[in-house]
Amino acid sequence: LIGNNLGIPFLISMIVPWAIKKLNTSSMQIKMHKEMLENTPTFGIIVSQDDPHNWLKTGEVYEEIAVMAEKEGLATAVLAAPIEINNNYQKLQEILKTDLRPQLFFRLGYPTKKFPKAPRRSLDETIVIFDH
């Protein structure tokens, strides 16, 4: 459920998808993003050429970062808006002084709260072996 792994109580998290679609949640989101910016020690940006091969490589690089971070007790969180909404990625290119395309924007730091992990499928449910 959306929100349950963000610390939103279980019952309330059940109505979050509806509320996001039907209610004006902008002031709440602004407050949440402001707190996030003030409390995030590190932001990461992965840049590359803008083509399908490099999109996959970006995911692989982030996967390695996320796994290493988890091993060290750090948390990561992908933020899509800074690179996917309008031409925000161009502003990042200017700040970074690069012609490469920002592909992934993420937060990195030690979590101050523990949230429940999102449900995962078991290995048996995930891997299917086809035998001819």
N, C-alpha and C. Protein backbone atom coordinates (compact mmCIF):
# COMPACT_ATOMS: atom_id res chain seq x y z
N LEU A 1 0.83 -1.19 0.00
CA LEU A 1 0.00 0.00 0.00
C LEU A 1 0.87 1.24 0.00
N ILE A 2 0.44 2.22 -0.77
CA ILE A 2 1.19 3.47 -0.83
C ILE A 2 1.16 4.12 0.54
N GLY A 3 2.30 4.48 1.05
CA GLY A 3 2.36 5.20 2.30
C GLY A 3 2.71 4.35 3.49
N ASN A 4 2.32 3.08 3.52
CA ASN A 4 2.59 2.26 4.69
C ASN A 4 4.09 2.13 4.93
N ASN A 5 4.88 2.00 3.87
CA ASN A 5 6.33 1.91 4.06
C ASN A 5 6.98 3.28 4.18
N LEU A 6 6.17 4.35 4.23
CA LEU A 6 6.69 5.70 4.46
C LEU A 6 6.33 6.20 5.86
N GLY A 7 5.79 5.31 6.68
CA GLY A 7 5.45 5.69 8.03
C GLY A 7 4.02 6.17 8.20
N ILE A 8 3.24 6.12 7.14
CA ILE A 8 1.83 6.49 7.23
C ILE A 8 1.10 5.28 7.81
N PRO A 9 0.27 5.48 8.83
CA PRO A 9 -0.43 4.34 9.43
C PRO A 9 -1.18 3.51 8.39
N PHE A 10 -1.26 2.20 8.65
CA PHE A 10 -1.81 1.24 7.70
C PHE A 10 -3.18 1.65 7.16
N LEU A 11 -4.12 1.93 8.04
CA LEU A 11 -5.48 2.25 7.58
C LEU A 11 -5.50 3.52 6.73
N ILE A 12 -4.74 4.52 7.13
CA ILE A 12 -4.69 5.76 6.35
C ILE A 12 -4.02 5.51 5.01
N SER A 13 -3.01 4.63 4.98
CA SER A 13 -2.31 4.35 3.72
C SER A 13 -3.24 3.74 2.67
N MET A 14 -4.35 3.16 3.11
CA MET A 14 -5.29 2.56 2.17
C MET A 14 -6.03 3.63 1.35
N ILE A 15 -6.16 4.84 1.90
CA ILE A 15 -6.88 5.90 1.18
C ILE A 15 -5.94 6.88 0.48
N VAL A 16 -4.64 6.73 0.69
CA VAL A 16 -3.67 7.65 0.08
C VAL A 16 -3.81 7.73 -1.44
N PRO A 17 -3.90 6.60 -2.18
CA PRO A 17 -4.04 6.72 -3.64
C PRO A 17 -5.26 7.55 -4.05
N TRP A 18 -6.37 7.34 -3.38
CA TRP A 18 -7.58 8.11 -3.68
C TRP A 18 -7.36 9.59 -3.36
N ALA A 19 -6.77 9.87 -2.20
CA ALA A 19 -6.57 11.26 -1.78
C ALA A 19 -5.66 12.01 -2.74
N ILE A 20 -4.62 11.34 -3.22
CA ILE A 20 -3.69 12.00 -4.15
C ILE A 20 -4.41 12.38 -5.44
N LYS A 21 -5.33 11.52 -5.89
CA LYS A 21 -6.06 11.79 -7.14
C LYS A 21 -7.16 12.83 -6.95
N LYS A 22 -7.82 12.83 -5.80
CA LYS A 22 -9.05 13.61 -5.63
C LYS A 22 -8.91 14.89 -4.82
N LEU A 23 -7.91 14.97 -3.96
CA LEU A 23 -7.77 16.13 -3.08
C LEU A 23 -6.54 16.95 -3.45
N ASN A 24 -6.55 18.21 -3.09
CA ASN A 24 -5.39 19.07 -3.30
C ASN A 24 -4.42 18.82 -2.15
N THR A 25 -3.40 18.03 -2.43
CA THR A 25 -2.41 17.68 -1.41
C THR A 25 -1.11 18.47 -1.58
N SER A 26 -1.14 19.53 -2.38
CA SER A 26 0.10 20.25 -2.71
C SER A 26 0.77 20.85 -1.47
N SER A 27 0.02 21.46 -0.56
CA SER A 27 0.66 22.06 0.61
C SER A 27 1.31 20.99 1.49
N MET A 28 0.66 19.84 1.61
CA MET A 28 1.24 18.75 2.38
C MET A 28 2.51 18.24 1.69
N GLN A 29 2.48 18.13 0.37
CA GLN A 29 3.64 17.64 -0.36
C GLN A 29 4.79 18.64 -0.29
N ILE A 30 4.48 19.94 -0.36
CA ILE A 30 5.53 20.96 -0.25
C ILE A 30 6.22 20.86 1.10
N LYS A 31 5.43 20.72 2.17
CA LYS A 31 6.00 20.59 3.51
C LYS A 31 6.88 19.35 3.60
N MET A 32 6.39 18.24 3.07
CA MET A 32 7.13 16.99 3.10
C MET A 32 8.45 17.12 2.34
N HIS A 33 8.41 17.74 1.15
CA HIS A 33 9.63 17.90 0.35
C HIS A 33 10.61 18.86 1.01
N LYS A 34 10.11 19.90 1.66
CA LYS A 34 10.99 20.85 2.35
C LYS A 34 11.72 20.14 3.49
N GLU A 35 10.99 19.35 4.28
CA GLU A 35 11.62 18.59 5.35
C GLU A 35 12.64 17.61 4.80
N MET A 36 12.30 16.97 3.68
CA MET A 36 13.21 16.02 3.06
C MET A 36 14.51 16.71 2.65
N LEU A 37 14.39 17.86 2.01
CA LEU A 37 15.59 18.59 1.57
C LEU A 37 16.45 19.02 2.75
N GLU A 38 15.80 19.43 3.82
CA GLU A 38 16.54 19.89 5.00
C GLU A 38 17.21 18.74 5.75
N ASN A 39 16.69 17.52 5.58
CA ASN A 39 17.19 16.39 6.37
C ASN A 39 17.94 15.35 5.56
N THR A 40 18.21 15.62 4.31
CA THR A 40 18.96 14.67 3.49
C THR A 40 20.41 15.12 3.40
N PRO A 41 21.34 14.30 3.91
CA PRO A 41 22.73 14.72 3.88
C PRO A 41 23.37 14.64 2.49
N THR A 42 22.89 13.72 1.64
CA THR A 42 23.52 13.53 0.34
C THR A 42 22.48 13.25 -0.73
N PHE A 43 22.65 13.90 -1.87
CA PHE A 43 21.86 13.59 -3.05
C PHE A 43 22.82 13.05 -4.10
N GLY A 44 22.38 12.06 -4.84
CA GLY A 44 23.19 11.50 -5.91
C GLY A 44 22.50 11.68 -7.24
N ILE A 45 23.28 11.91 -8.27
CA ILE A 45 22.74 12.04 -9.62
C ILE A 45 23.62 11.20 -10.54
N ILE A 46 23.00 10.29 -11.25
CA ILE A 46 23.72 9.47 -12.22
C ILE A 46 23.40 10.04 -13.60
N VAL A 47 24.45 10.37 -14.36
CA VAL A 47 24.28 10.95 -15.70
C VAL A 47 24.88 10.01 -16.74
N SER A 48 24.34 10.09 -17.96
CA SER A 48 24.88 9.29 -19.06
C SER A 48 24.37 9.84 -20.38
N GLN A 49 24.84 9.21 -21.48
CA GLN A 49 24.23 9.48 -22.77
C GLN A 49 22.78 9.02 -22.69
N ASP A 50 21.90 9.66 -23.44
CA ASP A 50 20.47 9.37 -23.35
C ASP A 50 20.06 8.34 -24.40
N ASP A 51 20.30 7.06 -24.10
CA ASP A 51 19.91 5.99 -25.01
C ASP A 51 19.57 4.75 -24.19
N PRO A 52 18.82 3.81 -24.78
CA PRO A 52 18.36 2.64 -24.03
C PRO A 52 19.47 1.84 -23.33
N HIS A 53 20.61 1.68 -23.98
CA HIS A 53 21.71 0.94 -23.35
C HIS A 53 22.13 1.61 -22.05
N ASN A 54 22.28 2.93 -22.09
CA ASN A 54 22.71 3.65 -20.90
C ASN A 54 21.61 3.76 -19.85
N TRP A 55 20.35 3.69 -20.25
CA TRP A 55 19.27 3.65 -19.26
C TRP A 55 19.42 2.39 -18.40
N LEU A 56 19.71 1.26 -19.07
CA LEU A 56 19.91 0.01 -18.34
C LEU A 56 21.16 0.07 -17.46
N LYS A 57 22.23 0.62 -17.98
CA LYS A 57 23.47 0.76 -17.21
C LYS A 57 23.23 1.64 -15.98
N THR A 58 22.43 2.69 -16.14
CA THR A 58 22.10 3.56 -15.01
C THR A 58 21.43 2.76 -13.91
N GLY A 59 20.47 1.92 -14.29
CA GLY A 59 19.80 1.08 -13.30
C GLY A 59 20.74 0.13 -12.60
N GLU A 60 21.69 -0.43 -13.35
CA GLU A 60 22.67 -1.33 -12.76
C GLU A 60 23.58 -0.60 -11.78
N VAL A 61 24.00 0.61 -12.14
CA VAL A 61 24.86 1.40 -11.25
C VAL A 61 24.10 1.73 -9.97
N TYR A 62 22.84 2.17 -10.12
CA TYR A 62 22.06 2.51 -8.93
C TYR A 62 21.84 1.27 -8.06
N GLU A 63 21.60 0.13 -8.69
CA GLU A 63 21.41 -1.11 -7.94
C GLU A 63 22.63 -1.40 -7.07
N GLU A 64 23.83 -1.24 -7.63
CA GLU A 64 25.06 -1.46 -6.87
C GLU A 64 25.17 -0.48 -5.71
N ILE A 65 24.85 0.79 -5.97
CA ILE A 65 24.90 1.80 -4.92
C ILE A 65 23.91 1.45 -3.81
N ALA A 66 22.68 1.07 -4.18
CA ALA A 66 21.66 0.77 -3.19
C ALA A 66 22.03 -0.45 -2.34
N VAL A 67 22.59 -1.47 -2.96
CA VAL A 67 23.00 -2.67 -2.22
C VAL A 67 24.14 -2.34 -1.27
N MET A 68 25.15 -1.61 -1.74
CA MET A 68 26.26 -1.23 -0.87
C MET A 68 25.77 -0.36 0.28
N ALA A 69 24.87 0.57 -0.01
CA ALA A 69 24.33 1.45 1.02
C ALA A 69 23.60 0.63 2.09
N GLU A 70 22.76 -0.30 1.65
CA GLU A 70 22.00 -1.14 2.60
C GLU A 70 22.95 -1.92 3.50
N LYS A 71 24.04 -2.44 2.94
CA LYS A 71 25.02 -3.19 3.74
C LYS A 71 25.65 -2.32 4.82
N GLU A 72 25.74 -1.01 4.55
CA GLU A 72 26.35 -0.07 5.50
C GLU A 72 25.33 0.61 6.41
N GLY A 73 24.07 0.19 6.31
CA GLY A 73 23.04 0.79 7.16
C GLY A 73 22.50 2.10 6.64
N LEU A 74 22.78 2.41 5.39
CA LEU A 74 22.28 3.63 4.75
C LEU A 74 21.00 3.33 3.99
N ALA A 75 20.23 4.35 3.75
CA ALA A 75 19.01 4.21 2.97
C ALA A 75 19.13 5.05 1.71
N THR A 76 18.50 4.59 0.64
CA THR A 76 18.44 5.36 -0.60
C THR A 76 16.97 5.50 -1.00
N ALA A 77 16.68 6.54 -1.75
CA ALA A 77 15.32 6.74 -2.26
C ALA A 77 15.42 7.50 -3.57
N VAL A 78 14.83 6.94 -4.62
CA VAL A 78 14.83 7.58 -5.93
C VAL A 78 13.80 8.70 -5.94
N LEU A 79 14.18 9.82 -6.52
CA LEU A 79 13.29 10.97 -6.68
C LEU A 79 13.15 11.23 -8.18
N ALA A 80 11.96 11.03 -8.72
CA ALA A 80 11.76 11.15 -10.17
C ALA A 80 11.57 12.59 -10.63
N ALA A 81 10.87 13.39 -9.87
CA ALA A 81 10.49 14.73 -10.32
C ALA A 81 11.67 15.60 -10.78
N PRO A 82 12.80 15.59 -10.07
CA PRO A 82 13.89 16.48 -10.50
C PRO A 82 14.42 16.22 -11.91
N ILE A 83 14.16 15.04 -12.47
CA ILE A 83 14.67 14.78 -13.82
C ILE A 83 13.58 14.45 -14.83
N GLU A 84 12.35 14.19 -14.36
CA GLU A 84 11.33 13.75 -15.30
C GLU A 84 10.23 14.77 -15.57
N ILE A 85 10.08 15.77 -14.72
CA ILE A 85 9.01 16.74 -14.92
C ILE A 85 9.55 17.92 -15.73
N ASN A 86 8.80 18.26 -16.77
CA ASN A 86 9.15 19.37 -17.66
C ASN A 86 10.59 19.27 -18.12
N ASN A 87 11.31 20.36 -18.03
CA ASN A 87 12.71 20.38 -18.45
C ASN A 87 13.66 20.52 -17.26
N ASN A 88 13.24 20.00 -16.12
CA ASN A 88 14.07 20.11 -14.91
C ASN A 88 15.45 19.51 -15.12
N TYR A 89 15.54 18.46 -15.92
CA TYR A 89 16.85 17.83 -16.14
C TYR A 89 17.84 18.83 -16.76
N GLN A 90 17.33 19.77 -17.56
CA GLN A 90 18.22 20.77 -18.17
C GLN A 90 18.80 21.70 -17.11
N LYS A 91 18.02 22.02 -16.10
CA LYS A 91 18.54 22.83 -14.99
C LYS A 91 19.64 22.08 -14.26
N LEU A 92 19.45 20.78 -14.08
CA LEU A 92 20.50 19.98 -13.45
C LEU A 92 21.75 19.92 -14.31
N GLN A 93 21.57 19.82 -15.63
CA GLN A 93 22.73 19.82 -16.53
C GLN A 93 23.53 21.11 -16.36
N GLU A 94 22.83 22.23 -16.25
CA GLU A 94 23.50 23.52 -16.06
C GLU A 94 24.27 23.54 -14.74
N ILE A 95 23.61 23.09 -13.67
CA ILE A 95 24.25 23.09 -12.35
C ILE A 95 25.48 22.19 -12.35
N LEU A 96 25.36 21.02 -13.01
CA LEU A 96 26.45 20.05 -13.05
C LEU A 96 27.49 20.36 -14.12
N LYS A 97 27.18 21.33 -14.98
CA LYS A 97 28.05 21.70 -16.09
C LYS A 97 28.40 20.48 -16.95
N THR A 98 27.33 19.80 -17.43
CA THR A 98 27.51 18.62 -18.26
C THR A 98 26.50 18.61 -19.40
N ASP A 99 26.89 17.98 -20.50
CA ASP A 99 25.96 17.75 -21.60
C ASP A 99 25.27 16.39 -21.47
N LEU A 100 25.76 15.57 -20.53
CA LEU A 100 25.14 14.26 -20.32
C LEU A 100 23.77 14.44 -19.66
N ARG A 101 22.90 13.48 -19.87
CA ARG A 101 21.52 13.57 -19.37
C ARG A 101 21.43 13.00 -17.96
N PRO A 102 20.97 13.79 -16.99
CA PRO A 102 20.70 13.20 -15.67
C PRO A 102 19.65 12.10 -15.83
N GLN A 103 20.01 10.88 -15.45
CA GLN A 103 19.13 9.73 -15.62
C GLN A 103 18.46 9.31 -14.31
N LEU A 104 19.14 9.53 -13.19
CA LEU A 104 18.59 9.08 -11.92
C LEU A 104 19.04 10.03 -10.81
N PHE A 105 18.08 10.46 -10.01
CA PHE A 105 18.31 11.37 -8.90
C PHE A 105 17.88 10.63 -7.64
N PHE A 106 18.74 10.60 -6.62
CA PHE A 106 18.39 9.84 -5.42
C PHE A 106 18.94 10.48 -4.15
N ARG A 107 18.32 10.10 -3.05
CA ARG A 107 18.76 10.52 -1.72
C ARG A 107 19.59 9.41 -1.10
N LEU A 108 20.51 9.79 -0.23
CA LEU A 108 21.36 8.82 0.45
C LEU A 108 21.65 9.33 1.85
N GLY A 109 21.43 8.49 2.85
CA GLY A 109 21.75 8.90 4.21
C GLY A 109 21.35 7.84 5.22
N TYR A 110 21.70 8.09 6.48
CA TYR A 110 21.30 7.19 7.55
C TYR A 110 19.86 7.50 7.93
N PRO A 111 19.00 6.50 7.92
CA PRO A 111 17.60 6.76 8.26
C PRO A 111 17.44 7.08 9.74
N THR A 112 16.53 8.00 10.05
CA THR A 112 16.25 8.35 11.44
C THR A 112 15.08 7.55 11.99
N LYS A 113 14.30 6.94 11.08
CA LYS A 113 13.17 6.11 11.49
C LYS A 113 13.23 4.80 10.73
N LYS A 114 12.69 3.77 11.33
CA LYS A 114 12.58 2.49 10.65
C LYS A 114 11.16 2.34 10.13
N PHE A 115 11.02 2.04 8.86
CA PHE A 115 9.72 1.84 8.24
C PHE A 115 9.63 0.39 7.78
N PRO A 116 8.41 -0.13 7.72
CA PRO A 116 8.29 -1.51 7.24
C PRO A 116 8.73 -1.62 5.78
N LYS A 117 9.37 -2.72 5.47
CA LYS A 117 9.79 -2.96 4.09
C LYS A 117 8.57 -3.30 3.25
N ALA A 118 8.61 -2.93 1.99
CA ALA A 118 7.55 -3.30 1.06
C ALA A 118 7.58 -4.81 0.89
N PRO A 119 6.43 -5.43 0.69
CA PRO A 119 6.40 -6.89 0.53
C PRO A 119 7.24 -7.34 -0.67
N ARG A 120 7.88 -8.48 -0.52
CA ARG A 120 8.71 -9.05 -1.59
C ARG A 120 8.19 -10.45 -1.92
N ARG A 121 8.36 -10.83 -3.16
CA ARG A 121 8.04 -12.20 -3.57
C ARG A 121 9.16 -13.11 -3.11
N SER A 122 8.81 -14.37 -2.88
CA SER A 122 9.82 -15.36 -2.52
C SER A 122 10.65 -15.69 -3.76
N LEU A 123 11.80 -16.29 -3.55
CA LEU A 123 12.66 -16.69 -4.66
C LEU A 123 11.93 -17.63 -5.60
N ASP A 124 11.16 -18.58 -5.04
CA ASP A 124 10.41 -19.52 -5.86
C ASP A 124 9.37 -18.83 -6.74
N GLU A 125 8.79 -17.75 -6.27
CA GLU A 125 7.79 -17.02 -7.05
C GLU A 125 8.43 -16.15 -8.12
N THR A 126 9.70 -15.84 -7.93
CA THR A 126 10.39 -14.90 -8.81
C THR A 126 11.11 -15.59 -9.97
N ILE A 127 11.77 -16.68 -9.68
CA ILE A 127 12.59 -17.35 -10.71
C ILE A 127 11.82 -18.55 -11.27
N VAL A 128 11.67 -18.54 -12.57
CA VAL A 128 11.00 -19.65 -13.25
C VAL A 128 12.00 -20.29 -14.20
N ILE A 129 12.18 -21.58 -14.06
CA ILE A 129 13.10 -22.31 -14.94
C ILE A 129 12.28 -23.12 -15.92
N PHE A 130 12.55 -22.88 -17.18
CA PHE A 130 11.86 -23.63 -18.26
C PHE A 130 12.77 -24.78 -18.68
N ASP A 131 12.24 -25.96 -18.66
CA ASP A 131 13.01 -27.12 -19.03
C ASP A 131 12.42 -27.69 -20.33
N HIS A 132 13.23 -27.80 -21.34
CA HIS A 132 12.74 -28.31 -22.63
C HIS A 132 12.68 -29.78 -22.61
